[in-house]
């Protein structure tokens, strides 16, 4: 039997976010084995078979010169975008492959520091850039738009602001704070930012309790009005971590007075009844959150939940899959609620398997959760170690990741308007 190309690679991913704070695409990290020559056409065919017209755009980020060279030499026109690290272009063979790949119609992305942009003859081979900022460039960019507070006494005209070093219409990565991300996306019309400054966004909201997204509350209310299926309600709830958590806390509260504990979203929906659910949602609506900067954080949590669920062994029964999904969905609630995870989970009569995986990193769901978390980075060594430790098949892990990524929905013009 011919081995799949996915068995000889280690994958990871990073989400790309647009100005609407919605998914714009996915950066796919690809690490090969130095001892094995990758069949690049086979890899590209595999991706093409999985991807559909509704799947997110893909930026391939080969983690070795060897793999990059294979892709540049063999990828046909119409392949996903391919990242080329600027500091690798000193290799004359690689640069020649970049030139011929560009002439063949490949879409190439130059990756490097804004302060070290390539000369014009090299830049002409690339359709876009994935730029990182030096500390000085970051400061200069922020100062270019910083508001000047009025002083006292005799006023002198303020000096003209230094021009921003940022370039319009590019992609940016590793932005340390929301101010820079907003500047790139909103003022400089960046195609996307890679990753999201989650820590800075949550720090800026630390003095107020976070609320579920207004959009999600309205979606669920409309679904109930339209008499959609129980599965549809469960799906909407499961796409908003805070709403799902608040719902389960309420269904297990004395206010509702249920005789038995509610340990899943589906059971809560069955027990609560649609009228009570509508009233509860109406009470959530006045306080619901409309901050778009929280959307990438919520979507990342949902993506981890989907991946955790996909990574469990095939054949696990449906109710247990719901448990695994909740394990991934609730695994970062401590960041949103600013409370210890143990305290958060004790409010719910969840299976010990969920708490063991999240808090203790033990039990049957721990391997899937650990792997789903590891795949969010470009550290292939951690992924390979987890595969060895938990006896997880590398090809199966990669296929699970790709299937989850290809099912993601990107923003379409006019969508998500409530």
Protein backbone atom coordinates (compact mmCIF):
# COMPACT_ATOMS: atom_id res chain seq x y z
CA UNK A 1 0.00 0.00 0.00
CA UNK A 2 1.39 3.44 -0.96
CA UNK A 3 1.92 5.65 2.09
CA UNK A 4 0.07 8.96 2.04
CA UNK A 5 2.21 12.07 1.88
CA UNK A 6 0.48 13.20 5.10
CA UNK A 7 2.26 10.45 7.01
CA UNK A 8 5.65 12.08 6.43
CA UNK A 9 4.69 15.63 7.37
CA UNK A 10 3.95 17.53 10.56
CA UNK A 11 1.29 20.22 10.20
CA UNK A 12 0.14 23.17 12.25
CA UNK A 13 -1.97 26.24 11.56
CA UNK A 14 -2.62 29.89 12.33
CA UNK A 15 -5.79 31.81 11.53
CA UNK A 16 -5.77 34.96 9.39
CA UNK A 17 -8.23 37.72 10.39
CA UNK A 18 -9.65 40.51 8.24
CA UNK A 19 -10.87 44.03 9.01
CA UNK A 20 -14.29 42.71 10.08
CA UNK A 21 -12.47 40.52 12.65
CA UNK A 22 -13.62 37.47 10.73
CA UNK A 23 -11.69 34.58 9.32
CA UNK A 24 -9.93 35.59 6.10
CA UNK A 25 -7.86 32.44 5.58
CA UNK A 26 -5.56 29.92 7.21
CA UNK A 27 -1.78 29.73 7.33
CA UNK A 28 -0.76 26.06 7.17
CA UNK A 29 2.65 25.22 8.64
CA UNK A 30 4.25 22.24 6.88
CA UNK A 31 7.33 20.55 8.36
CA UNK A 32 8.92 17.72 6.40
CA UNK A 33 11.36 15.01 7.42
CA UNK A 34 14.86 16.00 6.17
CA UNK A 35 15.55 12.35 5.30
CA UNK A 36 12.51 12.10 3.01
CA UNK A 37 11.84 13.97 -0.22
CA UNK A 38 8.23 15.11 -0.16
CA UNK A 39 6.02 14.37 -3.14
CA UNK A 40 4.85 17.96 -3.57
CA UNK A 41 2.28 17.22 -6.32
CA UNK A 42 0.76 14.52 -4.09
CA UNK A 43 0.51 17.00 -1.21
CA UNK A 44 -1.18 19.59 -3.40
CA UNK A 45 -3.59 17.02 -4.83
CA UNK A 46 -4.50 15.95 -1.29
CA UNK A 47 -5.27 19.54 -0.34
CA UNK A 48 -7.26 20.06 -3.53
CA UNK A 49 -9.36 16.96 -2.84
CA UNK A 50 -10.24 18.19 0.65
CA UNK A 51 -10.80 21.85 -0.14
CA UNK A 52 -14.01 23.21 -1.64
CA UNK A 53 -15.12 26.58 -3.00
CA UNK A 54 -16.44 27.52 0.45
CA UNK A 55 -13.25 26.54 2.30
CA UNK A 56 -10.94 29.32 3.53
CA UNK A 57 -8.05 30.55 1.37
CA UNK A 58 -4.82 28.75 2.23
CA UNK A 59 -1.30 30.12 2.75
CA UNK A 60 1.26 27.30 2.70
CA UNK A 61 4.20 27.91 5.03
CA UNK A 62 6.91 25.32 4.37
CA UNK A 63 9.28 25.10 7.32
CA UNK A 64 12.34 23.95 5.34
CA UNK A 65 14.17 25.14 2.25
CA UNK A 66 13.93 21.61 0.82
CA UNK A 67 10.15 21.54 0.94
CA UNK A 68 9.84 25.12 -0.31
CA UNK A 69 12.01 24.28 -3.29
CA UNK A 70 9.84 21.25 -4.11
CA UNK A 71 6.69 23.37 -4.01
CA UNK A 72 8.18 26.17 -6.11
CA UNK A 73 9.42 23.75 -8.75
CA UNK A 74 6.35 21.49 -8.96
CA UNK A 75 3.24 23.41 -7.88
CA UNK A 76 0.95 24.21 -10.83
CA UNK A 77 -0.74 27.52 -11.47
CA UNK A 78 -3.82 27.86 -9.27
CA UNK A 79 -2.15 26.29 -6.20
CA UNK A 80 -2.61 27.88 -2.77
CA UNK A 81 -0.45 30.87 -1.84
CA UNK A 82 3.10 29.87 -0.92
CA UNK A 83 5.17 31.71 1.68
CA UNK A 84 8.85 32.42 1.00
CA UNK A 85 11.05 33.62 3.85
CA UNK A 86 13.07 36.63 2.83
CA UNK A 87 16.28 35.45 4.48
CA UNK A 88 16.20 32.24 2.41
CA UNK A 89 16.49 34.12 -0.87
CA UNK A 90 20.28 34.37 -0.53
CA UNK A 91 20.19 30.77 -1.80
CA UNK A 92 20.58 31.24 -5.57
CA UNK A 93 18.82 27.96 -6.39
CA UNK A 94 15.83 28.96 -4.30
CA UNK A 95 15.70 32.44 -5.79
CA UNK A 96 15.78 30.99 -9.31
CA UNK A 97 12.86 28.73 -8.36
CA UNK A 98 10.97 31.77 -7.05
CA UNK A 99 11.47 33.53 -10.37
CA UNK A 100 10.33 30.59 -12.47
CA UNK A 101 7.42 29.87 -10.11
CA UNK A 102 6.27 33.48 -10.40
CA UNK A 103 6.51 33.30 -14.20
CA UNK A 104 4.46 30.10 -14.08
CA UNK A 105 1.69 31.93 -12.24
CA UNK A 106 2.26 30.88 -8.63
CA UNK A 107 0.94 33.26 -5.97
CA UNK A 108 3.91 33.94 -3.68
CA UNK A 109 4.09 35.76 -0.34
CA UNK A 110 7.33 37.33 0.91
CA UNK A 111 7.75 36.90 4.67
CA UNK A 112 10.10 39.02 6.72
CA UNK A 113 10.60 42.23 8.66
CA UNK A 114 9.14 45.48 7.39
CA UNK A 115 12.53 47.10 7.96
CA UNK A 116 14.21 44.62 5.60
CA UNK A 117 12.04 44.74 2.49
CA UNK A 118 13.58 43.23 -0.64
CA UNK A 119 14.79 45.31 -3.59
CA UNK A 120 12.38 45.93 -6.45
CA UNK A 121 13.62 43.11 -8.68
CA UNK A 122 12.95 40.56 -5.95
CA UNK A 123 9.73 42.20 -4.73
CA UNK A 124 8.26 41.97 -8.24
CA UNK A 125 8.10 38.17 -7.87
CA UNK A 126 5.64 38.40 -4.98
CA UNK A 127 1.92 39.13 -4.88
CA UNK A 128 1.85 40.07 -1.21
CA UNK A 129 3.91 40.18 1.97
CA UNK A 130 3.59 38.78 5.49
CA UNK A 131 5.37 41.42 7.52
CA UNK A 132 6.59 41.59 11.11
CA UNK A 133 7.40 44.88 12.82
CA UNK A 134 10.51 45.82 14.73
CA UNK A 135 9.87 47.55 18.08
CA UNK A 136 10.89 50.87 16.54
CA UNK A 137 8.54 50.48 13.57
CA UNK A 138 5.71 49.55 15.92
CA UNK A 139 6.29 52.67 18.01
CA UNK A 140 6.56 54.90 14.94
CA UNK A 141 3.35 53.47 13.48
CA UNK A 142 1.44 54.14 16.69
CA UNK A 143 2.90 57.63 17.07
CA UNK A 144 1.79 58.52 13.55
CA UNK A 145 -1.84 58.44 14.68
CA UNK A 146 -1.49 59.21 18.40
CA UNK A 147 -3.86 61.93 19.60
CA UNK A 148 -2.15 64.90 21.24
CA UNK A 149 -3.81 66.08 24.42
CA UNK A 150 -4.15 69.91 24.71
CA UNK A 151 -1.64 71.50 27.04
CA UNK A 152 -1.91 74.64 29.11
CA UNK A 153 -0.63 78.16 28.64
CA UNK A 154 0.75 79.33 25.33
CA UNK A 155 0.03 76.82 22.61
CA UNK A 156 2.56 76.00 19.95
CA UNK A 157 1.65 74.13 16.79
CA UNK A 158 2.48 70.48 17.31
CA UNK A 159 5.19 69.05 15.09
CA UNK A 160 3.84 67.10 12.11
CA UNK A 161 3.50 63.39 12.89
CA UNK A 162 6.11 61.09 11.43
CA UNK A 163 4.71 59.11 8.52
CA UNK A 164 3.65 55.59 9.32
CA UNK A 165 6.09 52.92 8.10
CA UNK A 166 3.19 50.53 7.46
CA UNK A 167 2.39 49.58 3.88
CA UNK A 168 -1.22 49.40 2.74
CA UNK A 169 -2.77 46.15 1.56
CA UNK A 170 -0.25 43.71 3.04
CA UNK A 171 -0.50 41.01 5.71
CA UNK A 172 1.02 41.45 9.18
CA UNK A 173 1.98 38.96 11.86
CA UNK A 174 2.96 38.78 15.55
CA UNK A 175 1.31 42.08 16.42
CA UNK A 176 1.66 42.49 20.19
CA UNK A 177 -1.41 44.63 20.87
CA UNK A 178 -4.84 45.55 19.60
CA UNK A 179 -3.84 49.11 18.71
CA UNK A 180 -1.36 47.84 16.11
CA UNK A 181 -3.75 45.21 14.77
CA UNK A 182 -6.48 47.84 14.39
CA UNK A 183 -4.06 50.25 12.72
CA UNK A 184 -3.02 47.63 10.17
CA UNK A 185 -6.56 46.48 9.41
CA UNK A 186 -8.57 49.68 9.66
CA UNK A 187 -6.23 52.42 8.46
CA UNK A 188 -3.79 50.54 6.25
CA UNK A 189 -6.33 48.10 4.77
CA UNK A 190 -4.27 45.01 5.56
CA UNK A 191 -5.45 41.90 3.75
CA UNK A 192 -5.19 40.10 7.09
CA UNK A 193 -3.31 39.81 10.34
CA UNK A 194 -1.90 36.42 11.24
CA UNK A 195 -2.85 35.47 14.77
CA UNK A 196 -4.69 37.78 17.14
CA UNK A 197 -3.49 39.79 20.19
CA UNK A 198 -5.79 37.84 22.52
CA UNK A 199 -3.93 38.65 25.71
CA UNK A 200 -4.02 42.41 25.06
CA UNK A 201 -7.72 42.37 24.06
CA UNK A 202 -8.70 40.54 27.25
CA UNK A 203 -6.44 42.74 29.40
CA UNK A 204 -8.21 45.81 28.06
CA UNK A 205 -11.55 44.31 29.18
CA UNK A 206 -10.34 43.06 32.55
CA UNK A 207 -12.47 45.49 34.59
CA UNK A 208 -15.78 44.34 33.14
CA UNK A 209 -17.40 40.91 33.12
CA UNK A 210 -17.47 39.54 29.59
CA UNK A 211 -20.87 38.80 28.12
CA UNK A 212 -21.98 36.47 25.30
CA UNK A 213 -22.00 37.88 21.78
CA UNK A 214 -25.17 39.71 20.83
CA UNK A 215 -25.02 38.16 17.37
CA UNK A 216 -25.16 34.64 18.84
CA UNK A 217 -28.04 35.47 21.19
CA UNK A 218 -30.04 36.90 18.28
CA UNK A 219 -29.25 33.92 16.04
CA UNK A 220 -30.59 31.52 18.64
CA UNK A 221 -33.73 33.60 19.24
CA UNK A 222 -34.41 33.70 15.50
CA UNK A 223 -33.85 29.94 15.21
CA UNK A 224 -36.43 29.33 17.94
CA UNK A 225 -38.92 31.68 16.25
CA UNK A 226 -38.38 29.78 13.00
CA UNK A 227 -38.99 26.47 14.81
CA UNK A 228 -35.69 25.02 13.66
CA UNK A 229 -34.45 21.66 14.91
CA UNK A 230 -32.94 20.86 18.29
CA UNK A 231 -29.68 20.14 16.47
CA UNK A 232 -29.69 23.67 15.07
CA UNK A 233 -30.13 25.16 18.55
CA UNK A 234 -27.33 23.01 19.90
CA UNK A 235 -25.06 24.05 17.02
CA UNK A 236 -25.65 27.78 17.61
CA UNK A 237 -25.07 27.43 21.36
CA UNK A 238 -21.90 25.46 20.74
CA UNK A 239 -20.44 28.26 18.62
CA UNK A 240 -20.37 30.76 21.49
CA UNK A 241 -18.34 29.54 24.51
CA UNK A 242 -19.68 32.10 26.98
CA UNK A 243 -23.29 31.63 25.94
CA UNK A 244 -22.90 27.84 26.20
CA UNK A 245 -21.37 28.16 29.65
CA UNK A 246 -23.99 30.64 30.92
CA UNK A 247 -26.73 28.40 29.55
CA UNK A 248 -25.43 25.37 31.43
CA UNK A 249 -24.98 27.36 34.65
CA UNK A 250 -28.58 28.54 34.38
CA UNK A 251 -30.02 25.11 33.62
CA UNK A 252 -28.30 23.80 36.75
CA UNK A 253 -29.38 26.70 38.96
CA UNK A 254 -32.00 26.65 41.69
CA UNK A 255 -33.96 29.20 39.65
CA UNK A 256 -34.87 26.56 37.10
CA UNK A 257 -35.48 23.87 39.71
CA UNK A 258 -34.66 20.81 37.62
CA UNK A 259 -34.45 17.56 39.56
CA UNK A 260 -31.40 16.19 37.81
CA UNK A 261 -28.14 17.81 36.77
CA UNK A 262 -27.70 18.99 33.17
CA UNK A 263 -24.37 17.80 31.81
CA UNK A 264 -24.71 18.71 28.12
CA UNK A 265 -26.12 21.44 25.90
CA UNK A 266 -28.58 19.04 24.31
CA UNK A 267 -29.95 17.80 27.61
CA UNK A 268 -30.34 21.39 28.79
CA UNK A 269 -32.31 22.30 25.68
CA UNK A 270 -34.62 19.33 26.16
CA UNK A 271 -35.18 20.04 29.85
CA UNK A 272 -35.60 23.80 29.61
CA UNK A 273 -38.31 24.11 26.97
CA UNK A 274 -38.41 26.70 24.22
CA UNK A 275 -40.53 29.27 26.03
CA UNK A 276 -38.20 29.38 29.02
CA UNK A 277 -35.21 29.46 26.68
CA UNK A 278 -36.63 32.44 24.78
CA UNK A 279 -37.22 34.35 28.02
CA UNK A 280 -33.70 33.58 29.24
CA UNK A 281 -32.21 34.76 25.95
CA UNK A 282 -34.29 37.96 26.07
CA UNK A 283 -32.75 38.65 29.48
CA UNK A 284 -29.25 38.13 28.05
CA UNK A 285 -29.78 40.47 25.11
CA UNK A 286 -29.56 43.90 26.86
CA UNK A 287 -26.15 43.00 28.29
CA UNK A 288 -24.78 41.09 25.29
CA UNK A 289 -21.39 42.05 23.90
CA UNK A 290 -20.96 43.75 20.53
CA UNK A 291 -17.18 44.20 20.57
CA UNK A 292 -15.89 42.77 17.26
CA UNK A 293 -12.40 42.35 18.70
CA UNK A 294 -13.66 39.41 20.76
CA UNK A 295 -14.84 37.53 17.68
CA UNK A 296 -11.42 36.05 16.75
CA UNK A 297 -11.05 34.81 20.33
CA UNK A 298 -14.44 33.08 20.25
CA UNK A 299 -13.81 31.57 16.83
CA UNK A 300 -10.43 30.23 17.94
CA UNK A 301 -12.06 28.52 20.93
CA UNK A 302 -14.69 26.93 18.68
CA UNK A 303 -12.00 25.79 16.26
CA UNK A 304 -10.13 24.09 19.11
CA UNK A 305 -13.35 22.36 20.17
CA UNK A 306 -13.99 21.04 16.67
CA UNK A 307 -10.45 19.80 16.35
CA UNK A 308 -10.49 18.15 19.78
CA UNK A 309 -13.69 16.33 18.82
CA UNK A 310 -12.24 15.23 15.48
CA UNK A 311 -9.06 13.89 17.08
CA UNK A 312 -10.76 11.33 19.33
CA UNK A 313 -10.86 7.75 18.16
CA UNK A 314 -13.30 6.95 15.38
CA UNK A 315 -16.39 5.10 16.50
CA UNK A 316 -16.87 6.88 19.83
CA UNK A 317 -20.57 7.22 20.58
CA UNK A 318 -22.35 10.51 19.88
CA UNK A 319 -22.95 11.50 23.50
CA UNK A 320 -19.27 11.11 24.28
CA UNK A 321 -18.37 13.20 21.24
CA UNK A 322 -20.47 15.99 22.76
CA UNK A 323 -18.38 15.66 25.91
CA UNK A 324 -15.17 15.91 23.91
CA UNK A 325 -16.47 19.00 22.12
CA UNK A 326 -17.27 20.68 25.45
CA UNK A 327 -13.79 19.77 26.65
CA UNK A 328 -12.28 21.79 23.83
CA UNK A 329 -14.86 24.60 23.99
CA UNK A 330 -14.46 25.20 27.73
CA UNK A 331 -10.68 24.67 27.88
CA UNK A 332 -9.92 28.42 27.77
CA UNK A 333 -12.80 29.79 29.82
CA UNK A 334 -10.41 30.84 32.55
CA UNK A 335 -9.00 33.45 30.16
CA UNK A 336 -12.47 34.89 29.48
CA UNK A 337 -13.78 34.74 33.04
CA UNK A 338 -10.52 35.56 34.90
CA UNK A 339 -11.15 32.71 37.33
CA UNK A 340 -9.32 29.45 38.05
CA UNK A 341 -10.50 26.67 35.76
CA UNK A 342 -11.29 24.41 38.70
CA UNK A 343 -13.70 27.00 40.12
CA UNK A 344 -15.40 27.46 36.74
CA UNK A 345 -15.97 23.77 36.11
CA UNK A 346 -17.20 23.03 39.63
CA UNK A 347 -20.33 25.06 38.88
CA UNK A 348 -21.42 22.41 36.39
CA UNK A 349 -22.17 18.69 36.83
CA UNK A 350 -19.84 17.78 33.96
CA UNK A 351 -18.20 14.43 33.50
CA UNK A 352 -14.95 13.97 35.41
CA UNK A 353 -13.40 13.20 32.03
CA UNK A 354 -13.81 16.86 31.01
CA UNK A 355 -12.28 18.28 34.18
CA UNK A 356 -9.46 15.72 34.14
CA UNK A 357 -8.48 16.70 30.60
CA UNK A 358 -8.68 20.48 31.13
CA UNK A 359 -7.37 20.86 34.68
CA UNK A 360 -5.21 17.78 35.26
CA UNK A 361 -4.30 16.96 31.64
CA UNK A 362 -5.14 13.33 32.29
CA UNK A 363 -7.86 10.90 31.24
CA UNK A 364 -9.17 9.73 27.86
CA UNK A 365 -9.74 13.21 26.39
CA UNK A 366 -6.38 14.70 27.37
CA UNK A 367 -4.43 13.51 24.30
CA UNK A 368 -6.93 15.06 21.88
CA UNK A 369 -7.04 18.36 23.80
CA UNK A 370 -3.26 18.56 24.06
CA UNK A 371 -2.88 17.84 20.37
CA UNK A 372 -5.54 20.38 19.36
CA UNK A 373 -3.66 23.00 21.38
CA UNK A 374 -0.26 22.03 19.95
CA UNK A 375 -1.52 22.28 16.36
CA UNK A 376 -2.25 25.98 16.92
CA UNK A 377 1.50 26.72 16.66
CA UNK A 378 4.41 26.03 14.34
CA UNK A 379 6.27 23.81 16.82
CA UNK A 380 6.50 20.50 14.94
CA UNK A 381 8.63 18.95 17.69
CA UNK A 382 5.80 19.22 20.23
CA UNK A 383 3.32 17.66 17.80
CA UNK A 384 5.66 14.75 17.03
CA UNK A 385 6.34 14.19 20.75
CA UNK A 386 2.60 14.06 21.48
CA UNK A 387 2.10 11.55 18.65
CA UNK A 388 4.78 9.32 20.17
CA UNK A 389 3.61 9.75 23.77
CA UNK A 390 -0.05 9.03 23.05
CA UNK A 391 0.53 6.63 20.13
CA UNK A 392 -1.37 8.87 17.74
CA UNK A 393 -0.89 8.27 14.03
CA UNK A 394 0.68 11.30 12.33
CA UNK A 395 -1.33 10.90 9.14
CA UNK A 396 -4.60 10.64 11.09
CA UNK A 397 -3.75 13.80 13.06
CA UNK A 398 -2.94 15.71 9.87
CA UNK A 399 -6.07 14.51 8.12
CA UNK A 400 -8.21 15.50 11.12
CA UNK A 401 -6.69 18.98 11.08
CA UNK A 402 -7.21 19.46 7.35
CA UNK A 403 -10.82 18.26 7.50
CA UNK A 404 -11.62 20.74 10.27
CA UNK A 405 -9.87 23.60 8.47
CA UNK A 406 -11.55 22.93 5.12
CA UNK A 407 -14.98 23.08 6.80
CA UNK A 408 -14.36 26.58 8.19
CA UNK A 409 -16.48 29.36 6.76
CA UNK A 410 -14.95 32.63 5.59
CA UNK A 411 -16.80 35.90 5.57
CA UNK A 412 -18.82 36.67 2.46
CA UNK A 413 -19.90 40.21 1.49
CA UNK A 414 -23.08 41.17 3.29
CA UNK A 415 -23.01 38.16 5.63
CA UNK A 416 -23.46 38.06 9.43
CA UNK A 417 -25.60 41.18 9.52
CA UNK A 418 -28.29 41.09 12.16
